[in-house]
């Protein structure tokens, strides 16, 4: 009787331990298979992001994919207008968006890294002007005005300085307007602008200014509620972004 009772007790312990192990591995598997929906602007901006065979490609997507893989999560990229991406993340329809510049207002609307690193990339924004022109932040007087992508921090900066053109152009058309003398200049991130000049055969017509309108960093901020519910996961992704960015600098010839 004693041996039988002991066996029953052991059996209960074994069944309990099996249940605990099953729950652990099931929850771990679910966590590992978590999918993040990340929004980005639909326009093609090589070398940072572009569409190829209906797939998101480029430096920033490579950084995010590498970080997600190391954090054991799956990423689903969603291409929309920049304003739509911002609304979707605020509403919780997407978990995060890129590439965003951090401002005081945005820091209240989204969850950004609260430490020094955790950013996607360092970005510079010159004014692209005609080869025969010059540009100075202190001496510029608007004639036709300067263009920039709508909703961008550089657009807001131009607007505050009263330098903004009354007409709205996307980067490719904006650079062509500069070439035609219909804009004094156009502001877009340096590598994106240089690529567009090459694609549109404008490298002999337009150049980036020596002075930058803006030097900043890009982030992958998250929906604030999602961050509060998944703080450890999001912070792990930001930490992995730091590692991935450093690994990919050489690939994209970034000094």
Protein backbone atom coordinates (compact mmCIF):
# COMPACT_ATOMS: atom_id res chain seq x y z
CA UNK A 1 0.00 0.00 0.00
CA UNK A 2 2.81 2.38 0.81
CA UNK A 3 4.58 1.67 -2.49
CA UNK A 4 1.34 2.16 -4.43
CA UNK A 5 0.63 5.49 -2.70
CA UNK A 6 4.17 6.63 -3.36
CA UNK A 7 3.82 5.75 -7.05
CA UNK A 8 0.59 7.71 -7.28
CA UNK A 9 2.25 10.74 -5.71
CA UNK A 10 5.17 10.47 -8.11
CA UNK A 11 2.80 10.14 -11.04
CA UNK A 12 1.01 13.33 -10.02
CA UNK A 13 4.34 15.16 -9.80
CA UNK A 14 5.41 13.85 -13.18
CA UNK A 15 2.13 14.92 -14.80
CA UNK A 16 2.41 18.35 -13.18
CA UNK A 17 5.99 18.83 -14.40
CA UNK A 18 4.99 17.71 -17.90
CA UNK A 19 2.19 20.26 -17.94
CA UNK A 20 4.54 23.04 -16.81
CA UNK A 21 7.12 22.11 -19.46
CA UNK A 22 4.45 22.00 -22.18
CA UNK A 23 3.11 25.42 -21.19
CA UNK A 24 6.64 26.86 -21.16
CA UNK A 25 7.54 25.57 -24.59
CA UNK A 26 4.16 26.51 -26.04
CA UNK A 27 4.40 30.08 -24.75
CA UNK A 28 8.04 30.32 -25.87
CA UNK A 29 7.11 29.15 -29.35
CA UNK A 30 4.24 31.66 -29.55
CA UNK A 31 6.53 34.44 -28.39
CA UNK A 32 9.16 33.46 -30.95
CA UNK A 33 6.58 33.51 -33.71
CA UNK A 34 5.23 36.97 -32.81
CA UNK A 35 4.73 39.19 -35.87
CA UNK A 36 5.40 42.92 -35.88
CA UNK A 37 3.52 45.05 -38.41
CA UNK A 38 5.84 47.91 -39.36
CA UNK A 39 4.77 50.78 -41.60
CA UNK A 40 7.00 52.72 -43.97
CA UNK A 41 6.51 55.30 -46.69
CA UNK A 42 5.38 53.80 -49.99
CA UNK A 43 7.76 55.92 -52.11
CA UNK A 44 11.02 54.36 -53.26
CA UNK A 45 14.03 55.98 -51.56
CA UNK A 46 17.13 53.93 -52.44
CA UNK A 47 19.47 53.01 -50.89
CA UNK A 48 17.36 53.13 -47.72
CA UNK A 49 14.09 51.57 -48.86
CA UNK A 50 12.48 50.56 -52.13
CA UNK A 51 10.11 47.96 -53.56
CA UNK A 52 11.39 45.02 -55.60
CA UNK A 53 9.07 42.16 -56.60
CA UNK A 54 6.51 43.56 -54.14
CA UNK A 55 9.02 43.18 -51.31
CA UNK A 56 10.56 45.93 -49.16
CA UNK A 57 14.31 46.18 -49.81
CA UNK A 58 17.15 48.49 -48.80
CA UNK A 59 19.49 49.41 -45.96
CA UNK A 60 16.83 50.24 -43.36
CA UNK A 61 14.81 47.11 -44.06
CA UNK A 62 18.01 45.04 -43.82
CA UNK A 63 18.75 46.54 -40.41
CA UNK A 64 15.22 45.89 -39.15
CA UNK A 65 15.08 42.35 -40.58
CA UNK A 66 18.43 41.46 -39.01
CA UNK A 67 17.38 42.90 -35.64
CA UNK A 68 14.02 41.09 -35.76
CA UNK A 69 15.66 37.79 -36.65
CA UNK A 70 18.04 38.10 -33.71
CA UNK A 71 15.10 39.00 -31.44
CA UNK A 72 13.20 35.95 -32.78
CA UNK A 73 10.22 37.86 -34.17
CA UNK A 74 8.74 38.10 -37.67
CA UNK A 75 8.34 41.43 -39.45
CA UNK A 76 5.53 42.37 -41.82
CA UNK A 77 6.25 45.57 -43.75
CA UNK A 78 3.33 47.80 -44.77
CA UNK A 79 3.87 50.52 -47.41
CA UNK A 80 1.63 53.59 -47.11
CA UNK A 81 1.82 57.38 -47.23
CA UNK A 82 3.91 58.86 -44.40
CA UNK A 83 0.92 60.61 -42.83
CA UNK A 84 -1.11 57.37 -43.00
CA UNK A 85 1.71 55.45 -41.31
CA UNK A 86 1.75 57.92 -38.44
CA UNK A 87 -2.02 57.66 -37.97
CA UNK A 88 -1.94 53.86 -38.12
CA UNK A 89 0.73 53.55 -35.44
CA UNK A 90 -1.04 56.02 -33.16
CA UNK A 91 -4.28 54.07 -33.59
CA UNK A 92 -2.55 50.73 -33.00
CA UNK A 93 -3.21 49.42 -36.52
CA UNK A 94 0.57 49.08 -36.93
CA UNK A 95 3.11 48.42 -34.19
CA UNK A 96 5.91 50.72 -35.41
CA UNK A 97 7.08 52.91 -38.29
CA UNK A 98 10.28 54.12 -39.89
CA UNK A 99 12.26 56.18 -40.49
CA UNK A 100 11.22 58.90 -38.04
CA UNK A 101 13.07 61.89 -36.61
CA UNK A 102 12.48 62.40 -32.89
CA UNK A 103 10.87 65.68 -31.82
CA UNK A 104 9.34 66.82 -28.52
CA UNK A 105 5.81 66.30 -29.84
CA UNK A 106 6.55 62.93 -31.42
CA UNK A 107 8.22 61.75 -28.21
CA UNK A 108 4.80 62.13 -26.56
CA UNK A 109 2.97 60.36 -29.38
CA UNK A 110 5.27 57.37 -29.90
CA UNK A 111 7.69 55.24 -27.87
CA UNK A 112 11.31 56.07 -28.70
CA UNK A 113 14.48 54.61 -27.17
CA UNK A 114 15.28 56.47 -23.96
CA UNK A 115 19.00 55.84 -24.20
CA UNK A 116 21.75 57.22 -26.42
CA UNK A 117 21.65 54.59 -29.16
CA UNK A 118 18.82 52.47 -30.54
CA UNK A 119 18.54 54.52 -33.73
CA UNK A 120 18.41 53.23 -37.30
CA UNK A 121 20.75 55.62 -39.09
CA UNK A 122 22.39 59.05 -39.03
CA UNK A 123 20.95 61.32 -41.72
CA UNK A 124 21.95 64.68 -43.23
CA UNK A 125 19.68 67.00 -45.19
CA UNK A 126 21.41 69.46 -47.53
CA UNK A 127 19.58 71.80 -49.89
CA UNK A 128 19.90 70.52 -53.46
CA UNK A 129 20.55 73.51 -55.71
CA UNK A 130 21.69 74.19 -59.27
CA UNK A 131 25.40 73.75 -59.96
CA UNK A 132 25.67 77.45 -60.77
CA UNK A 133 24.02 78.50 -57.46
CA UNK A 134 25.20 78.88 -53.89
CA UNK A 135 23.30 78.45 -50.64
CA UNK A 136 23.91 79.88 -47.17
CA UNK A 137 21.73 79.36 -44.12
CA UNK A 138 22.48 82.91 -42.98
CA UNK A 139 22.23 84.72 -46.33
CA UNK A 140 19.45 82.91 -48.20
CA UNK A 141 16.58 85.12 -49.41
CA UNK A 142 13.64 83.21 -50.94
CA UNK A 143 12.80 83.77 -54.60
CA UNK A 144 10.91 80.69 -55.80
CA UNK A 145 11.21 79.03 -52.40
CA UNK A 146 12.55 75.64 -51.33
CA UNK A 147 10.62 72.37 -51.48
CA UNK A 148 10.63 69.30 -49.22
CA UNK A 149 8.48 66.16 -48.75
CA UNK A 150 5.17 66.97 -47.05
CA UNK A 151 4.98 66.00 -43.38
CA UNK A 152 8.74 65.76 -42.91
CA UNK A 153 10.62 67.63 -40.17
CA UNK A 154 12.60 69.48 -42.88
CA UNK A 155 9.30 70.63 -44.42
CA UNK A 156 8.31 72.05 -41.02
CA UNK A 157 11.74 73.69 -40.66
CA UNK A 158 11.39 75.42 -44.04
CA UNK A 159 7.88 76.52 -43.17
CA UNK A 160 9.03 78.05 -39.87
CA UNK A 161 11.77 79.95 -41.67
CA UNK A 162 9.27 81.15 -44.33
CA UNK A 163 11.45 79.54 -46.99
CA UNK A 164 8.90 76.97 -48.13
CA UNK A 165 7.67 76.95 -51.72
CA UNK A 166 3.89 77.44 -52.08
CA UNK A 167 3.86 74.39 -54.36
CA UNK A 168 4.19 70.81 -53.13
CA UNK A 169 6.44 68.33 -54.95
CA UNK A 170 7.69 64.85 -54.20
CA UNK A 171 11.51 64.50 -54.23
CA UNK A 172 11.90 63.35 -57.84
CA UNK A 173 9.66 66.07 -59.26
CA UNK A 174 11.08 68.63 -56.83
CA UNK A 175 14.63 68.08 -58.05
CA UNK A 176 13.42 68.44 -61.63
CA UNK A 177 11.77 71.75 -60.67
CA UNK A 178 15.15 72.91 -59.32
CA UNK A 179 16.79 71.94 -62.62
CA UNK A 180 14.16 73.97 -64.49
CA UNK A 181 14.64 77.01 -62.25
CA UNK A 182 11.15 76.72 -60.76
CA UNK A 183 12.49 76.14 -57.24
CA UNK A 184 15.47 77.69 -55.47
CA UNK A 185 16.26 74.29 -54.00
CA UNK A 186 14.87 71.06 -52.63
CA UNK A 187 15.63 69.40 -49.31
CA UNK A 188 15.88 65.63 -49.07
CA UNK A 189 18.24 63.24 -47.30
CA UNK A 190 21.67 63.32 -48.93
CA UNK A 191 22.02 59.75 -50.23
CA UNK A 192 18.41 59.69 -51.42
CA UNK A 193 18.96 62.96 -53.29
CA UNK A 194 22.21 61.81 -54.88
CA UNK A 195 20.54 58.61 -56.06
CA UNK A 196 17.64 60.57 -57.59
CA UNK A 197 20.08 62.88 -59.37
CA UNK A 198 21.81 59.86 -60.89
CA UNK A 199 18.53 58.20 -61.90
CA UNK A 200 17.25 61.39 -63.54
CA UNK A 201 20.57 62.31 -65.16
CA UNK A 202 20.82 65.53 -63.16
CA UNK A 203 24.23 65.09 -61.55
CA UNK A 204 25.74 67.72 -63.86
CA UNK A 205 22.88 70.15 -63.19
CA UNK A 206 22.21 69.92 -59.45
CA UNK A 207 24.46 69.60 -56.39
CA UNK A 208 23.94 69.33 -52.60
CA UNK A 209 24.77 72.44 -50.59
CA UNK A 210 27.85 72.41 -48.36
CA UNK A 211 25.76 73.51 -45.38
CA UNK A 212 23.11 71.15 -44.05
CA UNK A 213 19.61 72.29 -43.19
CA UNK A 214 19.43 69.41 -40.73
CA UNK A 215 21.71 66.76 -39.21
CA UNK A 216 19.76 64.16 -37.30
CA UNK A 217 19.11 60.47 -36.65
CA UNK A 218 16.31 58.16 -37.74
CA UNK A 219 14.40 55.89 -35.38
CA UNK A 220 11.96 52.98 -35.36
CA UNK A 221 9.40 54.22 -32.78
CA UNK A 222 6.53 52.04 -31.53
CA UNK A 223 2.91 52.49 -30.55
CA UNK A 224 2.97 53.61 -26.90
CA UNK A 225 0.43 51.04 -25.69
CA UNK A 226 2.24 48.20 -27.44
CA UNK A 227 5.50 49.35 -25.88
CA UNK A 228 4.01 49.33 -22.38
CA UNK A 229 2.67 45.80 -22.92
CA UNK A 230 5.87 44.51 -24.55
CA UNK A 231 8.65 46.68 -23.10
CA UNK A 232 11.26 43.93 -22.92
CA UNK A 233 10.68 42.83 -26.52
CA UNK A 234 10.80 46.36 -27.95
CA UNK A 235 13.95 47.25 -26.04
CA UNK A 236 15.55 44.04 -27.26
CA UNK A 237 14.72 45.02 -30.86
CA UNK A 238 16.27 48.47 -30.37
CA UNK A 239 19.41 46.87 -28.93
CA UNK A 240 19.59 44.48 -31.88
CA UNK A 241 19.16 47.45 -34.26
CA UNK A 242 22.37 48.94 -32.84
CA UNK A 243 24.25 45.72 -33.61
CA UNK A 244 22.72 45.33 -37.08
CA UNK A 245 23.44 48.95 -38.03
CA UNK A 246 27.12 48.55 -37.21
CA UNK A 247 27.30 45.26 -39.13
CA UNK A 248 25.72 46.74 -42.25
CA UNK A 249 27.70 49.98 -42.41
CA UNK A 250 30.49 48.33 -44.40
CA UNK A 251 28.03 46.73 -46.83
CA UNK A 252 26.61 50.12 -47.74
CA UNK A 253 30.02 51.87 -47.65
CA UNK A 254 29.03 54.12 -44.75
CA UNK A 255 32.19 55.38 -42.99
